Amino acid sequence: MLPLAHIASALVANKLAGVMADVDDGPAPAVLGALLPDAIDKSLAWVFRVAPVARYAGHTLIAVAAAGIAGAALKDGRWGRALAVAYGVHLLGDLWQHGHVPWLMPFKRYEEESEPWAVRLDKATLVLEVVGAAVIAVYARDYARERDGARGQRVETREQSG
């Protein structure tokens, strides 16, 4: 999957799991969790050249747990859960589309598949990106309405108490 499909699947999963962060935080933990595995592993493999493949330590169950714990420690439990759900959904998307995720590394040894510095843009990937863009657009519209409604309620509450 490419970024738009990862973000869209994370937003949908967070919504379905009921762990979407508060209106003030919006989609931040879902978007971060959707992008973090590739940001970690592709940087380690392609930029710093310290990982042998682009799905490595950041694509494990340990990384999912670490992301959730870090999110909870830095913000709160709901943020941590939303981050972990999005992170896990990213790994499921990678497994579904390309079939290789080193879930149990370092406890299980995996064959390292050489991955070229290239993006595979076949019809299925393109369709996923277009659908992802549409999901993100609908979510953004709904989030803006919800946020504006929450701001309006806060203003009314202040006026009534003042």
C-alpha atoms as a PDB file:
ATOM      1  CA  MET A   1       0.000   0.000   0.000  1.00  0.00           C
ATOM      2  CA  LEU A   2       0.987   3.580  -0.528  1.00  0.00           C
ATOM      3  CA  PRO A   3       0.397   6.393   1.994  1.00  0.00           C
ATOM      4  CA  LEU A   4      -3.177   7.395   1.113  1.00  0.00           C
ATOM      5  CA  ALA A   5      -4.463   3.833   1.417  1.00  0.00           C
ATOM      6  CA  HIS A   6      -2.583   3.346   4.706  1.00  0.00           C
ATOM      7  CA  ILE A   7      -4.028   6.567   6.143  1.00  0.00           C
ATOM      8  CA  ALA A   8      -7.570   5.780   4.972  1.00  0.00           C
ATOM      9  CA  SER A   9      -7.489   2.246   6.400  1.00  0.00           C
ATOM     10  CA  ALA A  10      -6.152   3.600   9.710  1.00  0.00           C
ATOM     11  CA  LEU A  11      -8.937   6.210   9.919  1.00  0.00           C
ATOM     12  CA  VAL A  12     -11.603   3.597   9.197  1.00  0.00           C
ATOM     13  CA  ALA A  13     -10.125   1.091  11.669  1.00  0.00           C
ATOM     14  CA  ASN A  14      -9.893   3.705  14.419  1.00  0.00           C
ATOM     15  CA  LYS A  15     -13.484   4.743  13.811  1.00  0.00           C
ATOM     16  CA  LEU A  16     -14.728   1.128  13.838  1.00  0.00           C
ATOM     17  CA  ALA A  17     -12.686   0.256  16.943  1.00  0.00           C
ATOM     18  CA  GLY A  18     -14.083   3.296  18.756  1.00  0.00           C
ATOM     19  CA  VAL A  19     -10.630   4.586  19.663  1.00  0.00           C
ATOM     20  CA  MET A  20     -10.578   7.745  17.592  1.00  0.00           C
ATOM     21  CA  ALA A  21      -8.913  10.482  19.601  1.00  0.00           C
ATOM     22  CA  ASP A  22     -10.839  13.490  20.890  1.00  0.00           C
ATOM     23  CA  VAL A  23     -11.914  16.206  18.498  1.00  0.00           C
ATOM     24  CA  ASP A  24      -8.990  18.430  19.547  1.00  0.00           C
ATOM     25  CA  ASP A  25      -6.453  15.816  18.421  1.00  0.00           C
ATOM     26  CA  GLY A  26      -8.422  14.740  15.387  1.00  0.00           C
ATOM     27  CA  PRO A  27      -6.806  12.202  13.126  1.00  0.00           C
ATOM     28  CA  ALA A  28      -3.254  12.785  14.407  1.00  0.00           C
ATOM     29  CA  PRO A  29      -2.689   9.371  16.063  1.00  0.00           C
ATOM     30  CA  ALA A  30      -4.290   7.504  13.159  1.00  0.00           C
ATOM     31  CA  VAL A  31      -2.218   9.343  10.550  1.00  0.00           C
ATOM     32  CA  LEU A  32       0.977   8.969  12.577  1.00  0.00           C
ATOM     33  CA  GLY A  33       0.356   5.255  13.159  1.00  0.00           C
ATOM     34  CA  ALA A  34      -0.409   4.761   9.475  1.00  0.00           C
ATOM     35  CA  LEU A  35       2.873   6.305   8.336  1.00  0.00           C
ATOM     36  CA  LEU A  36       5.306   5.416  11.121  1.00  0.00           C
ATOM     37  CA  PRO A  37       6.204   1.829  10.097  1.00  0.00           C
ATOM     38  CA  ASP A  38       7.397   2.921   6.648  1.00  0.00           C
ATOM     39  CA  ALA A  39       9.038   6.070   8.002  1.00  0.00           C
ATOM     40  CA  ILE A  40      11.096   3.902  10.343  1.00  0.00           C
ATOM     41  CA  ASP A  41      11.983   0.981   8.089  1.00  0.00           C
ATOM     42  CA  LYS A  42      12.378   2.712   4.753  1.00  0.00           C
ATOM     43  CA  SER A  43      14.628   5.291   6.393  1.00  0.00           C
ATOM     44  CA  LEU A  44      16.716   2.567   8.021  1.00  0.00           C
ATOM     45  CA  ALA A  45      17.012   0.596   4.766  1.00  0.00           C
ATOM     46  CA  TRP A  46      17.148   3.196   2.017  1.00  0.00           C
ATOM     47  CA  VAL A  47      18.583   6.292   3.690  1.00  0.00           C
ATOM     48  CA  PHE A  48      20.849   5.058   6.483  1.00  0.00           C
ATOM     49  CA  ARG A  49      21.449   1.587   4.979  1.00  0.00           C
ATOM     50  CA  VAL A  50      21.482  -0.129   8.382  1.00  0.00           C
ATOM     51  CA  ALA A  51      18.520  -2.470   7.723  1.00  0.00           C
ATOM     52  CA  PRO A  52      18.684  -5.118   5.012  1.00  0.00           C
ATOM     53  CA  VAL A  53      15.103  -4.604   3.771  1.00  0.00           C
ATOM     54  CA  ALA A  54      12.383  -1.940   3.903  1.00  0.00           C
ATOM     55  CA  ARG A  55      10.128  -4.051   6.146  1.00  0.00           C
ATOM     56  CA  TYR A  56      12.186  -4.738   9.193  1.00  0.00           C
ATOM     57  CA  ALA A  57      12.064  -3.744  12.896  1.00  0.00           C
ATOM     58  CA  GLY A  58       9.290  -1.199  12.362  1.00  0.00           C
ATOM     59  CA  HIS A  59       7.038  -3.871  10.875  1.00  0.00           C
ATOM     60  CA  THR A  60       6.810  -6.117  13.962  1.00  0.00           C
ATOM     61  CA  LEU A  61       4.362  -6.720  16.795  1.00  0.00           C
ATOM     62  CA  ILE A  62       6.963  -5.296  19.181  1.00  0.00           C
ATOM     63  CA  ALA A  63       6.858  -2.033  17.211  1.00  0.00           C
ATOM     64  CA  VAL A  64       3.034  -1.968  17.407  1.00  0.00           C
ATOM     65  CA  ALA A  65       3.195  -2.357  21.195  1.00  0.00           C
ATOM     66  CA  ALA A  66       6.005   0.202  21.520  1.00  0.00           C
ATOM     67  CA  ALA A  67       4.040   2.744  19.468  1.00  0.00           C
ATOM     68  CA  GLY A  68       0.946   2.260  21.628  1.00  0.00           C
ATOM     69  CA  ILE A  69       2.922   2.551  24.852  1.00  0.00           C
ATOM     70  CA  ALA A  70       4.756   5.646  23.604  1.00  0.00           C
ATOM     71  CA  GLY A  71       1.499   7.288  22.507  1.00  0.00           C
ATOM     72  CA  ALA A  72      -0.093   6.594  25.889  1.00  0.00           C
ATOM     73  CA  ALA A  73       2.951   7.890  27.757  1.00  0.00           C
ATOM     74  CA  LEU A  74       3.270  11.055  25.677  1.00  0.00           C
ATOM     75  CA  LYS A  75      -0.439  11.913  25.486  1.00  0.00           C
ATOM     76  CA  ASP A  76      -2.951   9.512  27.069  1.00  0.00           C
ATOM     77  CA  GLY A  77      -4.335   5.970  26.831  1.00  0.00           C
ATOM     78  CA  ARG A  78      -6.863   6.744  24.133  1.00  0.00           C
ATOM     79  CA  TRP A  79      -4.154   8.342  21.965  1.00  0.00           C
ATOM     80  CA  GLY A  80      -1.928   5.302  22.522  1.00  0.00           C
ATOM     81  CA  ARG A  81      -4.701   2.878  21.545  1.00  0.00           C
ATOM     82  CA  ALA A  82      -5.542   4.895  18.414  1.00  0.00           C
ATOM     83  CA  LEU A  83      -1.865   4.959  17.442  1.00  0.00           C
ATOM     84  CA  ALA A  84      -1.457   1.201  18.014  1.00  0.00           C
ATOM     85  CA  VAL A  85      -4.608   0.346  16.016  1.00  0.00           C
ATOM     86  CA  ALA A  86      -3.429   2.456  13.071  1.00  0.00           C
ATOM     87  CA  TYR A  87       0.080   0.989  13.271  1.00  0.00           C
ATOM     88  CA  GLY A  88      -1.294  -2.566  13.300  1.00  0.00           C
ATOM     89  CA  VAL A  89      -3.620  -1.848  10.385  1.00  0.00           C
ATOM     90  CA  HIS A  90      -0.614  -0.614   8.397  1.00  0.00           C
ATOM     91  CA  LEU A  91       1.045  -4.001   8.899  1.00  0.00           C
ATOM     92  CA  LEU A  92      -2.128  -5.855   7.911  1.00  0.00           C
ATOM     93  CA  GLY A  93      -2.337  -3.763   4.744  1.00  0.00           C
ATOM     94  CA  ASP A  94       1.257  -4.612   3.866  1.00  0.00           C
ATOM     95  CA  LEU A  95       0.587  -8.299   4.512  1.00  0.00           C
ATOM     96  CA  TRP A  96      -2.538  -8.229   2.354  1.00  0.00           C
ATOM     97  CA  GLN A  97      -0.957  -6.433  -0.558  1.00  0.00           C
ATOM     98  CA  HIS A  98       2.576  -7.830  -0.721  1.00  0.00           C
ATOM     99  CA  GLY A  99       2.498 -10.780   1.660  1.00  0.00           C
ATOM    100  CA  HIS A 100       5.636 -10.183   3.759  1.00  0.00           C
ATOM    101  CA  VAL A 101       5.600  -8.771   7.291  1.00  0.00           C
ATOM    102  CA  PRO A 102       8.195  -9.931   9.864  1.00  0.00           C
ATOM    103  CA  TRP A 103       5.627 -10.050  12.711  1.00  0.00           C
ATOM    104  CA  LEU A 104       7.722 -11.945  15.233  1.00  0.00           C
ATOM    105  CA  MET A 105      11.183 -10.588  14.507  1.00  0.00           C
ATOM    106  CA  PRO A 106      13.610 -10.846  16.410  1.00  0.00           C
ATOM    107  CA  PHE A 107      12.121 -14.042  17.891  1.00  0.00           C
ATOM    108  CA  LYS A 108      11.687 -15.675  14.489  1.00  0.00           C
ATOM    109  CA  ARG A 109      14.125 -15.541  11.606  1.00  0.00           C
ATOM    110  CA  TYR A 110      12.749 -14.348   8.266  1.00  0.00           C
ATOM    111  CA  GLU A 111      14.149 -14.663   4.780  1.00  0.00           C
ATOM    112  CA  GLU A 112      15.270 -11.238   3.714  1.00  0.00           C
ATOM    113  CA  GLU A 113      13.727 -10.312   0.401  1.00  0.00           C
ATOM    114  CA  SER A 114      15.641  -7.728  -1.563  1.00  0.00           C
ATOM    115  CA  GLU A 115      13.398  -4.747  -2.215  1.00  0.00           C
ATOM    116  CA  PRO A 116      14.273  -2.272  -4.957  1.00  0.00           C
ATOM    117  CA  TRP A 117      14.078   1.462  -4.446  1.00  0.00           C
ATOM    118  CA  ALA A 118      10.900   1.720  -6.450  1.00  0.00           C
ATOM    119  CA  VAL A 119       7.176   1.995  -5.963  1.00  0.00           C
ATOM    120  CA  ARG A 120       5.041  -0.680  -7.576  1.00  0.00           C
ATOM    121  CA  LEU A 121       2.126   1.167  -9.094  1.00  0.00           C
ATOM    122  CA  ASP A 122      -0.123  -1.488 -10.557  1.00  0.00           C
ATOM    123  CA  LYS A 123      -3.880  -1.152 -11.119  1.00  0.00           C
ATOM    124  CA  ALA A 124      -4.815  -2.513  -7.682  1.00  0.00           C
ATOM    125  CA  THR A 125      -2.457  -0.108  -5.917  1.00  0.00           C
ATOM    126  CA  LEU A 126      -3.757   2.817  -7.946  1.00  0.00           C
ATOM    127  CA  VAL A 127      -7.365   1.899  -7.116  1.00  0.00           C
ATOM    128  CA  LEU A 128      -6.472   1.657  -3.413  1.00  0.00           C
ATOM    129  CA  GLU A 129      -4.883   5.111  -3.518  1.00  0.00           C
ATOM    130  CA  VAL A 130      -7.912   6.659  -5.239  1.00  0.00           C
ATOM    131  CA  VAL A 131     -10.301   5.030  -2.772  1.00  0.00           C
ATOM    132  CA  GLY A 132      -7.983   6.114   0.043  1.00  0.00           C
ATOM    133  CA  ALA A 133      -8.074   9.708  -1.162  1.00  0.00           C
ATOM    134  CA  ALA A 134     -11.878   9.602  -1.252  1.00  0.00           C
ATOM    135  CA  VAL A 135     -12.084   8.155   2.278  1.00  0.00           C
ATOM    136  CA  ILE A 136      -9.687  10.820   3.569  1.00  0.00           C
ATOM    137  CA  ALA A 137     -11.743  13.570   1.899  1.00  0.00           C
ATOM    138  CA  VAL A 138     -14.984  12.310   3.486  1.00  0.00           C
ATOM    139  CA  TYR A 139     -13.286  11.946   6.862  1.00  0.00           C
ATOM    140  CA  ALA A 140     -11.811  15.468   6.617  1.00  0.00           C
ATOM    141  CA  ARG A 141     -15.245  16.919   5.839  1.00  0.00           C
ATOM    142  CA  ASP A 142     -16.882  15.076   8.747  1.00  0.00           C
ATOM    143  CA  TYR A 143     -14.032  15.968  11.108  1.00  0.00           C
ATOM    144  CA  ALA A 144     -14.279  19.667  10.203  1.00  0.00           C
ATOM    145  CA  ARG A 145     -18.030  19.626  10.905  1.00  0.00           C
ATOM    146  CA  GLU A 146     -17.517  17.833  14.206  1.00  0.00           C
ATOM    147  CA  ARG A 147     -14.699  20.168  15.239  1.00  0.00           C
ATOM    148  CA  ASP A 148     -16.698  23.279  14.341  1.00  0.00           C
ATOM    149  CA  GLY A 149     -19.693  21.929  16.256  1.00  0.00           C
ATOM    150  CA  ALA A 150     -17.555  21.257  19.328  1.00  0.00           C
ATOM    151  CA  ARG A 151     -16.084  24.773  19.173  1.00  0.00           C
ATOM    152  CA  GLY A 152     -19.563  26.240  18.950  1.00  0.00           C
ATOM    153  CA  GLN A 153     -20.653  24.286  22.033  1.00  0.00           C
ATOM    154  CA  ARG A 154     -17.610  25.513  23.994  1.00  0.00           C
ATOM    155  CA  VAL A 155     -18.377  29.150  23.081  1.00  0.00           C
ATOM    156  CA  GLU A 156     -22.024  28.740  24.130  1.00  0.00           C
ATOM    157  CA  THR A 157     -20.992  27.125  27.427  1.00  0.00           C
ATOM    158  CA  ARG A 158     -18.579  29.990  28.205  1.00  0.00           C
ATOM    159  CA  GLU A 159     -21.223  32.595  27.391  1.00  0.00           C
ATOM    160  CA  GLN A 160     -23.793  30.886  29.614  1.00  0.00           C
ATOM    161  CA  SER A 161     -21.394  30.553  32.557  1.00  0.00           C
ATOM    162  CA  GLY A 162     -19.927  34.084  32.148  1.00  0.00           C
END
